[in-house]
C-alpha cells in the first residue's frame, strides 16, 4: 500500500544519523541528491506516484548523530523548514557511545532528549505528522563482541520509541521484526553489513516497511 499525498507541495522531512544521511548532498543540490538510503527509495516511489502534487522530500540526517544532536539542531533542521511530515530514525549512536564506553555515553539521554524533541515539535508544529521508526540491530562485526548487551540496550530503545509514538500520536514503524525475518533468508551481513548499517537490500527493507505502515493512514 502506497501512502496518499493530498496536499500540494507537501514537505516530507527525514531525520536521523548515518543510516538516513547516506552521503546526501549538503549544498545547492540537496533537494535532488538526497543520499543513497531508504529515503531515496521512499521519495522515488512517492514522487512518481504523486507528481501532480509536487511533494518535496528533505533529508537532514547527519552521520554520527544521537537524539541529543537532533534536538540541538532542531530549529534549523526541522522548525525552519515547516514540514508537513517528519520521519525520525535514530538510536544506534546513542547505543554505540554507551557500548563503547565513550565519555559522551556516560549518561543515557535517549528517552529524555527524544521526549523533549517531541514535546517541542508538538508545540511549534502542532499540525505536522510524526513518524517514528524503530531502531534495529543484528549480530555483526560492530555488535557481536557485546551482542547480548546490544540487544538489551537497543531493545530498551525500541520500547521507548513505541511508547513515545503512542503518547504523542505518532505513527510507529516497526523494523526489528522485519530484519529478524530477513536474516532467516540470508545472513545478517547481507542486510546490515556490520550489524548496524544497512546494505542496499537493508535500505529497501526499511523503505518497504515505511511505505506499508504509512500507507495505512495516508501521509499529508
Protein backbone atom coordinates (compact mmCIF):
# COMPACT_ATOMS: atom_id res chain seq x y z
CA UNK A 1 0.00 0.00 0.00
CA UNK A 2 1.38 3.40 -1.02
CA UNK A 3 0.73 6.43 1.23
CA UNK A 4 -1.58 9.05 -0.23
CA UNK A 5 -0.44 12.65 -0.51
CA UNK A 6 -3.36 15.01 -0.91
CA UNK A 7 -1.68 18.33 -0.09
CA UNK A 8 0.04 20.30 -2.84
CA UNK A 9 3.77 20.94 -2.27
CA UNK A 10 3.84 18.89 0.93
CA UNK A 11 7.24 18.88 2.66
CA UNK A 12 8.33 15.49 3.98
CA UNK A 13 11.40 15.66 6.22
CA UNK A 14 13.60 12.71 7.13
CA UNK A 15 15.82 12.95 10.19
CA UNK A 16 18.40 10.66 11.71
CA UNK A 17 22.01 9.53 11.64
CA UNK A 18 24.24 7.85 9.04
CA UNK A 19 21.52 5.36 8.13
CA UNK A 20 19.42 8.29 6.91
CA UNK A 21 22.29 10.54 5.78
CA UNK A 22 23.89 8.10 3.30
CA UNK A 23 26.08 10.70 1.56
CA UNK A 24 23.31 13.18 0.86
CA UNK A 25 24.27 16.48 -0.76
CA UNK A 26 24.61 19.41 1.62
CA UNK A 27 24.90 22.16 -0.98
CA UNK A 28 22.87 23.60 -3.79
CA UNK A 29 21.57 20.26 -5.00
CA UNK A 30 20.40 18.70 -1.75
CA UNK A 31 16.82 18.84 -2.99
CA UNK A 32 17.73 16.36 -5.72
CA UNK A 33 20.62 14.34 -4.30
CA UNK A 34 19.09 13.10 -1.06
CA UNK A 35 21.51 10.24 -0.42
CA UNK A 36 21.52 6.53 -1.12
CA UNK A 37 19.42 5.39 1.82
CA UNK A 38 15.83 4.30 2.37
CA UNK A 39 14.95 8.00 1.99
CA UNK A 40 15.83 7.89 -1.70
CA UNK A 41 13.70 4.78 -2.22
CA UNK A 42 10.69 6.24 -0.42
CA UNK A 43 11.00 9.58 -2.20
CA UNK A 44 11.37 7.88 -5.58
CA UNK A 45 8.13 5.98 -5.17
CA UNK A 46 6.09 8.83 -3.73
CA UNK A 47 7.45 11.48 -6.10
CA UNK A 48 6.48 9.33 -9.07
CA UNK A 49 3.05 8.34 -7.77
CA UNK A 50 2.15 11.88 -6.69
CA UNK A 51 3.87 14.03 -9.30
CA UNK A 52 0.71 16.11 -9.67
CA UNK A 53 1.08 17.20 -6.02
CA UNK A 54 4.78 18.15 -6.36
CA UNK A 55 5.86 16.78 -2.96
CA UNK A 56 9.19 17.99 -1.59
CA UNK A 57 11.49 15.49 0.15
CA UNK A 58 14.19 16.74 2.51
CA UNK A 59 16.94 14.64 4.07
CA UNK A 60 18.67 16.22 7.08
CA UNK A 61 20.18 13.08 8.56
CA UNK A 62 23.74 13.52 9.85
CA UNK A 63 26.16 10.65 10.36
CA UNK A 64 27.05 10.06 13.99
CA UNK A 65 24.05 11.87 15.43
CA UNK A 66 22.30 10.89 18.65
CA UNK A 67 18.87 12.11 19.74
CA UNK A 68 20.51 14.95 21.67
CA UNK A 69 22.27 16.06 18.47
CA UNK A 70 18.94 16.18 16.65
CA UNK A 71 17.47 18.30 19.41
CA UNK A 72 20.41 20.70 19.29
CA UNK A 73 19.82 21.44 15.60
CA UNK A 74 16.02 21.14 15.53
CA UNK A 75 15.37 24.86 14.97
CA UNK A 76 17.44 24.92 11.79
CA UNK A 77 16.81 21.42 10.50
CA UNK A 78 13.14 21.00 11.38
CA UNK A 79 11.19 24.04 12.54
CA UNK A 80 12.59 26.42 9.93
CA UNK A 81 11.51 24.01 7.17
CA UNK A 82 7.88 23.92 8.37
CA UNK A 83 7.45 20.31 7.23
CA UNK A 84 4.11 18.59 6.89
CA UNK A 85 5.66 15.25 7.87
CA UNK A 86 8.72 14.46 9.98
CA UNK A 87 10.12 10.92 9.91
CA UNK A 88 12.75 10.08 12.54
CA UNK A 89 15.09 7.09 12.68
CA UNK A 90 17.61 7.43 15.50
CA UNK A 91 19.18 5.45 18.31
CA UNK A 92 22.13 3.41 17.14
CA UNK A 93 24.70 6.06 18.03
CA UNK A 94 23.18 6.56 21.47
CA UNK A 95 23.74 2.83 21.97
CA UNK A 96 27.17 2.87 20.31
CA UNK A 97 28.53 5.58 22.62
CA UNK A 98 27.34 3.63 25.65
CA UNK A 99 28.61 0.27 24.41
CA UNK A 100 31.99 1.78 23.53
CA UNK A 101 32.20 3.41 26.98
CA UNK A 102 32.92 6.80 25.42
CA UNK A 103 32.73 9.94 27.59
CA UNK A 104 29.70 11.11 25.59
CA UNK A 105 27.89 7.94 26.57
CA UNK A 106 28.36 8.15 30.33
CA UNK A 107 24.68 9.02 30.81
CA UNK A 108 21.93 7.65 28.60
CA UNK A 109 19.87 10.62 27.38
CA UNK A 110 17.92 8.77 24.72
CA UNK A 111 14.45 8.91 26.27
CA UNK A 112 14.89 12.33 27.87
CA UNK A 113 16.14 14.00 24.68
CA UNK A 114 13.60 12.24 22.48
CA UNK A 115 10.76 13.38 24.73
CA UNK A 116 11.98 16.98 24.74
CA UNK A 117 12.23 16.92 20.96
CA UNK A 118 8.69 15.61 20.53
CA UNK A 119 7.20 17.95 23.12
CA UNK A 120 8.71 20.97 21.44
CA UNK A 121 7.71 19.77 17.98
CA UNK A 122 4.11 19.35 19.08
CA UNK A 123 4.19 22.86 20.50
CA UNK A 124 5.79 24.58 17.49
CA UNK A 125 4.36 22.41 14.70
CA UNK A 126 1.07 21.04 16.08
CA UNK A 127 -0.25 20.00 12.66
CA UNK A 128 2.90 18.21 11.50
CA UNK A 129 2.56 14.46 11.26
CA UNK A 130 5.23 12.46 13.09
CA UNK A 131 6.57 9.09 12.01
CA UNK A 132 8.89 7.36 14.48
CA UNK A 133 10.97 4.48 13.13
CA UNK A 134 12.16 1.71 15.40
CA UNK A 135 15.94 1.41 15.83
CA UNK A 136 17.30 -2.02 14.94
CA UNK A 137 20.40 -4.18 15.15
CA UNK A 138 21.67 -7.58 14.03
CA UNK A 139 24.72 -9.57 15.03
CA UNK A 140 27.72 -8.33 13.04
CA UNK A 141 31.30 -7.15 13.32
CA UNK A 142 30.24 -4.00 15.18
CA UNK A 143 27.94 -5.75 17.65
CA UNK A 144 28.97 -9.38 18.16
CA UNK A 145 31.59 -8.73 20.89
CA UNK A 146 28.84 -7.47 23.23
CA UNK A 147 25.85 -8.90 21.44
CA UNK A 148 23.66 -9.54 24.46
CA UNK A 149 24.29 -6.02 25.78
CA UNK A 150 23.49 -4.55 22.36
CA UNK A 151 20.24 -6.48 22.21
CA UNK A 152 19.24 -5.36 25.69
CA UNK A 153 20.01 -1.67 25.14
CA UNK A 154 18.53 -1.40 21.66
CA UNK A 155 15.53 -3.39 22.88
CA UNK A 156 15.06 -0.76 25.58
CA UNK A 157 15.17 1.99 22.95
CA UNK A 158 12.64 0.14 20.82
CA UNK A 159 10.18 0.07 23.71
CA UNK A 160 10.77 3.77 24.37
CA UNK A 161 10.13 4.74 20.75
CA UNK A 162 6.97 2.63 20.60
CA UNK A 163 5.63 4.20 23.79
CA UNK A 164 6.55 7.73 22.71
CA UNK A 165 4.77 7.20 19.39
CA UNK A 166 1.62 6.21 21.23
CA UNK A 167 1.91 9.08 23.70
CA UNK A 168 2.44 11.75 21.05
CA UNK A 169 0.02 10.39 18.45
CA UNK A 170 2.80 9.48 16.02
CA UNK A 171 2.96 6.65 13.52
CA UNK A 172 5.27 3.87 14.72
CA UNK A 173 7.24 1.93 12.09
CA UNK A 174 8.47 -1.42 13.47
CA UNK A 175 11.70 -2.58 11.85
CA UNK A 176 13.43 -5.10 14.12
CA UNK A 177 10.99 -7.88 13.25
CA UNK A 178 11.50 -7.20 9.56
CA UNK A 179 15.28 -7.57 9.89
CA UNK A 180 14.92 -10.66 12.09
CA UNK A 181 12.77 -12.33 9.45
CA UNK A 182 15.08 -11.20 6.65
CA UNK A 183 18.05 -12.75 8.48
CA UNK A 184 16.36 -16.13 8.07
CA UNK A 185 16.56 -15.73 4.29
CA UNK A 186 20.15 -14.53 4.09
CA UNK A 187 22.93 -13.96 6.62
CA UNK A 188 22.66 -10.83 8.80
CA UNK A 189 25.54 -9.13 6.97
CA UNK A 190 23.50 -9.28 3.76
CA UNK A 191 21.07 -6.80 5.34
CA UNK A 192 23.23 -4.89 7.84
CA UNK A 193 26.81 -5.24 6.69
CA UNK A 194 28.30 -4.58 10.14
CA UNK A 195 25.24 -5.36 12.22
CA UNK A 196 24.19 -1.69 12.24
CA UNK A 197 24.41 -0.07 8.79
CA UNK A 198 22.09 -1.31 6.03
CA UNK A 199 23.15 -2.66 2.68
CA UNK A 200 21.13 -1.83 -0.43
CA UNK A 201 18.82 -4.72 0.48
CA UNK A 202 18.54 -3.43 4.04
CA UNK A 203 17.56 0.05 2.89
CA UNK A 204 14.92 -1.44 0.62
CA UNK A 205 13.55 -3.40 3.56
CA UNK A 206 13.21 -0.19 5.59
CA UNK A 207 11.59 1.67 2.71
CA UNK A 208 9.05 -1.08 2.06
CA UNK A 209 8.03 -1.28 5.72
CA UNK A 210 7.83 2.52 5.98
CA UNK A 211 5.60 2.76 2.92
CA UNK A 212 3.45 -0.12 4.15
CA UNK A 213 2.84 1.40 7.59
CA UNK A 214 2.42 4.98 6.40
CA UNK A 215 0.11 3.77 3.67
CA UNK A 216 -2.48 2.56 6.14
CA UNK A 217 -3.40 6.08 7.22
CA UNK A 218 -2.26 8.40 4.43
CA UNK A 219 0.61 10.80 4.66
CA UNK A 220 -0.02 14.53 4.17
